[in-house]
PDB file of N, CA and C in Angstrom:
ATOM      1  N   UNK A   1      22.232  -8.126  -1.946  1.00  0.00           N
ATOM      2  CA  UNK A   1      20.886  -7.425  -2.307  1.00  0.00           C
ATOM      3  C   UNK A   1      20.633  -8.879  -3.895  1.00  0.00           C
ATOM      4  N   UNK A   2      21.924  -9.197  -4.531  1.00  0.00           N
ATOM      5  CA  UNK A   2      21.364 -10.521  -4.854  1.00  0.00           C
ATOM      6  C   UNK A   2      20.156 -11.142  -4.197  1.00  0.00           C
ATOM      7  N   UNK A   3      20.408 -11.722  -3.419  1.00  0.00           N
ATOM      8  CA  UNK A   3      19.628 -12.690  -2.711  1.00  0.00           C
ATOM      9  C   UNK A   3      17.591 -12.054  -2.919  1.00  0.00           C
ATOM     10  N   UNK A   4      18.146 -11.428  -2.307  1.00  0.00           N
ATOM     11  CA  UNK A   4      16.442 -10.203  -2.597  1.00  0.00           C
ATOM     12  C   UNK A   4      16.060 -10.517  -4.393  1.00  0.00           C
ATOM     13  N   UNK A   5      17.244  -9.863  -5.226  1.00  0.00           N
ATOM     14  CA  UNK A   5      16.535  -9.737  -6.530  1.00  0.00           C
ATOM     15  C   UNK A   5      15.947 -11.561  -6.736  1.00  0.00           C
ATOM     16  N   UNK A   6      16.689 -12.546  -6.397  1.00  0.00           N
ATOM     17  CA  UNK A   6      16.890 -13.496  -6.553  1.00  0.00           C
ATOM     18  C   UNK A   6      15.532 -14.427  -6.091  1.00  0.00           C
ATOM     19  N   UNK A   7      15.104 -13.768  -4.463  1.00  0.00           N
ATOM     20  CA  UNK A   7      14.098 -13.937  -4.833  1.00  0.00           C
ATOM     21  C   UNK A   7      12.517 -13.857  -5.213  1.00  0.00           C
ATOM     22  N   UNK A   8      12.519 -12.483  -5.679  1.00  0.00           N
ATOM     23  CA  UNK A   8      11.830 -11.747  -6.492  1.00  0.00           C
ATOM     24  C   UNK A   8      11.638 -12.671  -7.369  1.00  0.00           C
ATOM     25  N   UNK A   9      13.040 -12.901  -8.096  1.00  0.00           N
ATOM     26  CA  UNK A   9      12.832 -13.673  -9.602  1.00  0.00           C
ATOM     27  C   UNK A   9      11.739 -14.543  -9.874  1.00  0.00           C
ATOM     28  N   UNK A  10      12.452 -15.694  -8.907  1.00  0.00           N
ATOM     29  CA  UNK A  10      12.233 -16.792  -8.828  1.00  0.00           C
ATOM     30  C   UNK A  10      10.601 -16.945  -8.134  1.00  0.00           C
ATOM     31  N   UNK A  11      10.317 -16.340  -7.262  1.00  0.00           N
ATOM     32  CA  UNK A  11       8.858 -16.278  -7.370  1.00  0.00           C
ATOM     33  C   UNK A  11       7.589 -15.775  -7.928  1.00  0.00           C
ATOM     34  N   UNK A  12       7.883 -15.042  -8.220  1.00  0.00           N
ATOM     35  CA  UNK A  12       7.415 -14.460  -9.970  1.00  0.00           C
ATOM     36  C   UNK A  12       6.400 -13.172  -8.595  1.00  0.00           C
ATOM     37  N   UNK A  13       7.270 -12.421  -8.133  1.00  0.00           N
ATOM     38  CA  UNK A  13       6.031 -11.645  -6.713  1.00  0.00           C
ATOM     39  C   UNK A  13       6.430 -10.385  -8.439  1.00  0.00           C
ATOM     40  N   UNK A  14       6.999  -9.722  -8.421  1.00  0.00           N
ATOM     41  CA  UNK A  14       6.951  -8.830  -9.960  1.00  0.00           C
ATOM     42  C   UNK A  14       7.213  -9.205 -10.614  1.00  0.00           C
ATOM     43  N   UNK A  15       7.035  -8.177 -11.921  1.00  0.00           N
ATOM     44  CA  UNK A  15       7.644  -8.526 -13.172  1.00  0.00           C
ATOM     45  C   UNK A  15       9.839  -7.987 -13.319  1.00  0.00           C
ATOM     46  N   UNK A  16       9.820  -8.948 -13.645  1.00  0.00           N
ATOM     47  CA  UNK A  16      11.494  -8.587 -14.008  1.00  0.00           C
ATOM     48  C   UNK A  16      12.062  -8.015 -14.371  1.00  0.00           C
ATOM     49  N   UNK A  17      11.071  -7.047 -14.897  1.00  0.00           N
ATOM     50  CA  UNK A  17      11.537  -5.140 -14.999  1.00  0.00           C
ATOM     51  C   UNK A  17      11.468  -4.717 -13.942  1.00  0.00           C
ATOM     52  N   UNK A  18      10.513  -4.763 -13.311  1.00  0.00           N
ATOM     53  CA  UNK A  18       9.850  -4.089 -12.110  1.00  0.00           C
ATOM     54  C   UNK A  18      11.240  -4.770 -11.310  1.00  0.00           C
ATOM     55  N   UNK A  19      11.717  -6.255 -10.920  1.00  0.00           N
ATOM     56  CA  UNK A  19      13.172  -6.526  -9.956  1.00  0.00           C
ATOM     57  C   UNK A  19      13.958  -5.184  -9.759  1.00  0.00           C
ATOM     58  N   UNK A  20      14.891  -5.055 -10.359  1.00  0.00           N
ATOM     59  CA  UNK A  20      15.487  -3.413 -10.124  1.00  0.00           C
ATOM     60  C   UNK A  20      15.240  -1.906  -8.866  1.00  0.00           C
ATOM     61  N   UNK A  21      13.886  -2.315  -9.499  1.00  0.00           N
ATOM     62  CA  UNK A  21      13.188  -1.112  -8.810  1.00  0.00           C
ATOM     63  C   UNK A  21      12.538  -1.660  -7.803  1.00  0.00           C
ATOM     64  N   UNK A  22      12.719  -2.411  -7.537  1.00  0.00           N
ATOM     65  CA  UNK A  22      12.155  -3.334  -6.244  1.00  0.00           C
ATOM     66  C   UNK A  22      13.552  -3.506  -4.325  1.00  0.00           C
ATOM     67  N   UNK A  23      14.691  -3.808  -5.493  1.00  0.00           N
ATOM     68  CA  UNK A  23      15.765  -3.757  -4.937  1.00  0.00           C
ATOM     69  C   UNK A  23      16.401  -2.164  -4.228  1.00  0.00           C
ATOM     70  N   UNK A  24      15.694  -1.684  -5.048  1.00  0.00           N
ATOM     71  CA  UNK A  24      16.506  -0.191  -4.532  1.00  0.00           C
ATOM     72  C   UNK A  24      15.697   0.936  -3.614  1.00  0.00           C
ATOM     73  N   UNK A  25      14.168  -0.036  -4.027  1.00  0.00           N
ATOM     74  CA  UNK A  25      13.247   0.568  -2.917  1.00  0.00           C
ATOM     75  C   UNK A  25      14.116   0.046  -1.310  1.00  0.00           C
ATOM     76  N   UNK A  26      14.235  -1.009  -1.521  1.00  0.00           N
ATOM     77  CA  UNK A  26      14.651  -1.797   0.404  1.00  0.00           C
ATOM     78  C   UNK A  26      16.206  -1.676  -0.065  1.00  0.00           C
ATOM     79  N   UNK A  27      17.291  -1.459  -0.807  1.00  0.00           N
ATOM     80  CA  UNK A  27      18.914  -1.106  -0.515  1.00  0.00           C
ATOM     81  C   UNK A  27      18.693   0.575  -0.157  1.00  0.00           C
ATOM     82  N   UNK A  28      17.498   2.034  -0.459  1.00  0.00           N
ATOM     83  CA  UNK A  28      17.358   2.202   0.390  1.00  0.00           C
ATOM     84  C   UNK A  28      17.048   2.723   1.664  1.00  0.00           C
ATOM     85  N   UNK A  29      15.836   1.840   2.044  1.00  0.00           N
ATOM     86  CA  UNK A  29      15.515   1.778   3.324  1.00  0.00           C
ATOM     87  C   UNK A  29      17.001   1.713   4.608  1.00  0.00           C
ATOM     88  N   UNK A  30      17.642   0.426   4.224  1.00  0.00           N
ATOM     89  CA  UNK A  30      18.699  -0.209   4.357  1.00  0.00           C
ATOM     90  C   UNK A  30      19.605   1.226   4.493  1.00  0.00           C
ATOM     91  N   UNK A  31      19.681   1.721   4.120  1.00  0.00           N
ATOM     92  CA  UNK A  31      20.303   2.688   3.769  1.00  0.00           C
ATOM     93  C   UNK A  31      20.328   3.713   4.954  1.00  0.00           C
ATOM     94  N   UNK A  32      18.889   4.376   4.784  1.00  0.00           N
ATOM     95  CA  UNK A  32      18.021   4.951   5.763  1.00  0.00           C
ATOM     96  C   UNK A  32      18.637   5.091   7.047  1.00  0.00           C
ATOM     97  N   UNK A  33      18.129   3.690   6.927  1.00  0.00           N
ATOM     98  CA  UNK A  33      18.233   3.425   9.164  1.00  0.00           C
ATOM     99  C   UNK A  33      19.899   2.952   9.468  1.00  0.00           C
ATOM    100  N   UNK A  34      20.613   2.701   7.744  1.00  0.00           N
ATOM    101  CA  UNK A  34      21.991   2.202   9.146  1.00  0.00           C
ATOM    102  C   UNK A  34      22.105   1.330   9.366  1.00  0.00           C
ATOM    103  N   UNK A  35      21.176  -0.386   8.246  1.00  0.00           N
ATOM    104  CA  UNK A  35      20.702  -0.740   9.219  1.00  0.00           C
ATOM    105  C   UNK A  35      21.828  -2.462   7.670  1.00  0.00           C
ATOM    106  N   UNK A  36      21.535  -3.210   8.331  1.00  0.00           N
ATOM    107  CA  UNK A  36      22.162  -4.846   7.550  1.00  0.00           C
ATOM    108  C   UNK A  36      21.523  -5.076   6.938  1.00  0.00           C
ATOM    109  N   UNK A  37      20.868  -6.336   5.736  1.00  0.00           N
ATOM    110  CA  UNK A  37      19.020  -7.005   5.779  1.00  0.00           C
ATOM    111  C   UNK A  37      19.443  -8.429   6.702  1.00  0.00           C
ATOM    112  N   UNK A  38      20.649  -8.205   7.760  1.00  0.00           N
ATOM    113  CA  UNK A  38      19.227  -9.560   8.519  1.00  0.00           C
ATOM    114  C   UNK A  38      19.643  -8.733  10.328  1.00  0.00           C
ATOM    115  N   UNK A  39      19.853  -7.419  10.222  1.00  0.00           N
ATOM    116  CA  UNK A  39      18.969  -6.952  11.379  1.00  0.00           C
ATOM    117  C   UNK A  39      17.365  -6.595  12.298  1.00  0.00           C
ATOM    118  N   UNK A  40      17.267  -6.330  13.017  1.00  0.00           N
ATOM    119  CA  UNK A  40      15.882  -6.093  13.527  1.00  0.00           C
ATOM    120  C   UNK A  40      15.295  -5.252  12.705  1.00  0.00           C
ATOM    121  N   UNK A  41      14.522  -4.891  11.740  1.00  0.00           N
ATOM    122  CA  UNK A  41      13.644  -3.405  12.167  1.00  0.00           C
ATOM    123  C   UNK A  41      12.701  -3.797  12.760  1.00  0.00           C
ATOM    124  N   UNK A  42      11.700  -2.878  13.140  1.00  0.00           N
ATOM    125  CA  UNK A  42      11.043  -2.518  14.055  1.00  0.00           C
ATOM    126  C   UNK A  42       9.388  -1.749  12.581  1.00  0.00           C
ATOM    127  N   UNK A  43       8.127  -2.178  13.133  1.00  0.00           N
ATOM    128  CA  UNK A  43       6.596  -1.722  12.527  1.00  0.00           C
ATOM    129  C   UNK A  43       7.555  -0.082  12.093  1.00  0.00           C
ATOM    130  N   UNK A  44       7.937   0.651  13.799  1.00  0.00           N
ATOM    131  CA  UNK A  44       8.040   2.390  13.593  1.00  0.00           C
ATOM    132  C   UNK A  44       8.900   2.632  12.038  1.00  0.00           C
ATOM    133  N   UNK A  45      10.671   1.838  12.073  1.00  0.00           N
ATOM    134  CA  UNK A  45      10.937   2.096  10.897  1.00  0.00           C
ATOM    135  C   UNK A  45      10.261   1.997   9.935  1.00  0.00           C
ATOM    136  N   UNK A  46       9.759   0.797  10.035  1.00  0.00           N
ATOM    137  CA  UNK A  46       8.967   1.004   8.015  1.00  0.00           C
ATOM    138  C   UNK A  46       8.205   2.247   8.072  1.00  0.00           C
ATOM    139  N   UNK A  47       7.267   2.321   9.167  1.00  0.00           N
ATOM    140  CA  UNK A  47       6.562   2.904   8.731  1.00  0.00           C
ATOM    141  C   UNK A  47       7.100   4.925   8.565  1.00  0.00           C
ATOM    142  N   UNK A  48       8.334   5.235   8.900  1.00  0.00           N
ATOM    143  CA  UNK A  48       8.703   6.038   9.317  1.00  0.00           C
ATOM    144  C   UNK A  48       9.307   6.300   7.277  1.00  0.00           C
ATOM    145  N   UNK A  49      10.410   4.821   7.401  1.00  0.00           N
ATOM    146  CA  UNK A  49      10.752   5.132   5.675  1.00  0.00           C
ATOM    147  C   UNK A  49       9.591   5.599   4.826  1.00  0.00           C
ATOM    148  N   UNK A  50       8.813   4.493   4.820  1.00  0.00           N
ATOM    149  CA  UNK A  50       7.220   4.890   4.380  1.00  0.00           C
ATOM    150  C   UNK A  50       6.256   5.853   4.110  1.00  0.00           C
ATOM    151  N   UNK A  51       6.292   6.810   5.549  1.00  0.00           N
ATOM    152  CA  UNK A  51       5.743   8.234   4.689  1.00  0.00           C
ATOM    153  C   UNK A  51       6.543   8.901   4.551  1.00  0.00           C
ATOM    154  N   UNK A  52       8.025   9.131   4.668  1.00  0.00           N
ATOM    155  CA  UNK A  52       9.213  10.065   3.688  1.00  0.00           C
ATOM    156  C   UNK A  52       9.404   9.805   2.001  1.00  0.00           C
ATOM    157  N   UNK A  53       9.285   8.554   1.949  1.00  0.00           N
ATOM    158  CA  UNK A  53       9.222   8.487   0.570  1.00  0.00           C
ATOM    159  C   UNK A  53       8.173   8.774  -0.651  1.00  0.00           C
ATOM    160  N   UNK A  54       6.615   8.904   0.702  1.00  0.00           N
ATOM    161  CA  UNK A  54       5.067   8.443   0.154  1.00  0.00           C
ATOM    162  C   UNK A  54       5.468  10.116  -0.480  1.00  0.00           C
ATOM    163  N   UNK A  55       5.937  11.445   0.432  1.00  0.00           N
ATOM    164  CA  UNK A  55       5.814  12.436   0.614  1.00  0.00           C
ATOM    165  C   UNK A  55       6.770  13.066  -0.238  1.00  0.00           C
ATOM    166  N   UNK A  56       7.917  12.428  -0.427  1.00  0.00           N
ATOM    167  CA  UNK A  56       9.123  12.618  -1.846  1.00  0.00           C
ATOM    168  C   UNK A  56       8.120  12.365  -2.814  1.00  0.00           C
ATOM    169  N   UNK A  57       8.163  11.291  -3.242  1.00  0.00           N
ATOM    170  CA  UNK A  57       7.102  10.985  -4.464  1.00  0.00           C
ATOM    171  C   UNK A  57       5.830  11.301  -4.532  1.00  0.00           C
ATOM    172  N   UNK A  58       4.644  12.342  -3.664  1.00  0.00           N
ATOM    173  CA  UNK A  58       3.470  13.181  -4.709  1.00  0.00           C
ATOM    174  C   UNK A  58       4.592  14.491  -4.480  1.00  0.00           C
ATOM    175  N   UNK A  59       5.578  14.780  -4.943  1.00  0.00           N
ATOM    176  CA  UNK A  59       6.315  15.935  -4.533  1.00  0.00           C
ATOM    177  C   UNK A  59       7.639  15.449  -6.265  1.00  0.00           C
ATOM    178  N   UNK A  60       7.456  14.356  -6.611  1.00  0.00           N
ATOM    179  CA  UNK A  60       7.825  13.716  -7.882  1.00  0.00           C
ATOM    180  C   UNK A  60       6.987  13.006  -8.844  1.00  0.00           C
ATOM    181  N   UNK A  61       6.933  13.133  -9.656  1.00  0.00           N
ATOM    182  CA  UNK A  61       5.810  12.355 -10.368  1.00  0.00           C
ATOM    183  C   UNK A  61       6.275  11.560 -10.998  1.00  0.00           C
ATOM    184  N   UNK A  62       8.010  12.130 -11.203  1.00  0.00           N
ATOM    185  CA  UNK A  62       8.843  10.717 -12.217  1.00  0.00           C
ATOM    186  C   UNK A  62       8.953   9.481 -12.109  1.00  0.00           C
ATOM    187  N   UNK A  63       9.435   9.285 -10.413  1.00  0.00           N
ATOM    188  CA  UNK A  63       8.792   8.162  -8.896  1.00  0.00           C
ATOM    189  C   UNK A  63       7.577   7.547  -8.692  1.00  0.00           C
ATOM    190  N   UNK A  64       7.887   5.782  -9.285  1.00  0.00           N
ATOM    191  CA  UNK A  64       6.307   5.538  -9.205  1.00  0.00           C
ATOM    192  C   UNK A  64       6.582   4.788  -7.781  1.00  0.00           C
ATOM    193  N   UNK A  65       5.808   4.581  -6.395  1.00  0.00           N
ATOM    194  CA  UNK A  65       6.046   4.445  -5.477  1.00  0.00           C
ATOM    195  C   UNK A  65       5.140   2.657  -5.624  1.00  0.00           C
ATOM    196  N   UNK A  66       6.074   1.500  -5.305  1.00  0.00           N
ATOM    197  CA  UNK A  66       5.952   0.441  -5.012  1.00  0.00           C
ATOM    198  C   UNK A  66       4.954  -0.272  -4.377  1.00  0.00           C
ATOM    199  N   UNK A  67       4.008  -0.319  -4.603  1.00  0.00           N
ATOM    200  CA  UNK A  67       2.350  -0.043  -3.709  1.00  0.00           C
ATOM    201  C   UNK A  67       2.339  -1.695  -3.145  1.00  0.00           C
ATOM    202  N   UNK A  68       2.874  -2.822  -3.108  1.00  0.00           N
ATOM    203  CA  UNK A  68       3.675  -3.880  -2.608  1.00  0.00           C
ATOM    204  C   UNK A  68       4.422  -3.664  -2.099  1.00  0.00           C
ATOM    205  N   UNK A  69       5.866  -3.259  -1.807  1.00  0.00           N
ATOM    206  CA  UNK A  69       6.876  -2.476  -1.334  1.00  0.00           C
ATOM    207  C   UNK A  69       6.626  -3.345  -0.041  1.00  0.00           C
ATOM    208  N   UNK A  70       5.637  -2.590   0.480  1.00  0.00           N
ATOM    209  CA  UNK A  70       5.289  -3.232   2.209  1.00  0.00           C
ATOM    210  C   UNK A  70       6.088  -4.017   2.574  1.00  0.00           C
ATOM    211  N   UNK A  71       5.209  -4.833   2.188  1.00  0.00           N
ATOM    212  CA  UNK A  71       4.965  -6.725   2.028  1.00  0.00           C
ATOM    213  C   UNK A  71       6.235  -6.576   2.244  1.00  0.00           C
ATOM    214  N   UNK A  72       7.521  -6.605   1.323  1.00  0.00           N
ATOM    215  CA  UNK A  72       8.742  -6.887   1.829  1.00  0.00           C
ATOM    216  C   UNK A  72       9.647  -6.813   3.337  1.00  0.00           C
ATOM    217  N   UNK A  73       9.261  -5.833   3.706  1.00  0.00           N
ATOM    218  CA  UNK A  73       9.852  -4.928   5.544  1.00  0.00           C
ATOM    219  C   UNK A  73       9.406  -6.427   5.622  1.00  0.00           C
ATOM    220  N   UNK A  74       8.318  -6.535   5.588  1.00  0.00           N
ATOM    221  CA  UNK A  74       7.772  -7.319   6.578  1.00  0.00           C
ATOM    222  C   UNK A  74       7.466  -9.132   7.665  1.00  0.00           C
ATOM    223  N   UNK A  75       8.278  -9.218   5.633  1.00  0.00           N
ATOM    224  CA  UNK A  75       8.689 -11.172   6.368  1.00  0.00           C
ATOM    225  C   UNK A  75       9.824 -10.852   6.507  1.00  0.00           C
TER     226      UNK A  75
END
């Protein structure tokens, strides 16, 4: 995930402070589906993961859902 972290920092898509959060979310996605970053990702998988995360976050106010996260799965 270092490449993704470097990408976020280089392109300044999110603040440097938020990069670890985004890397963690994307890592969780790959772990959730037992995938590697170079594997194909379906839109159904993205939706399933995001809906599961939104449900968890509604019940846990300590977490903050990165509102821009879905765009990273579509690149």
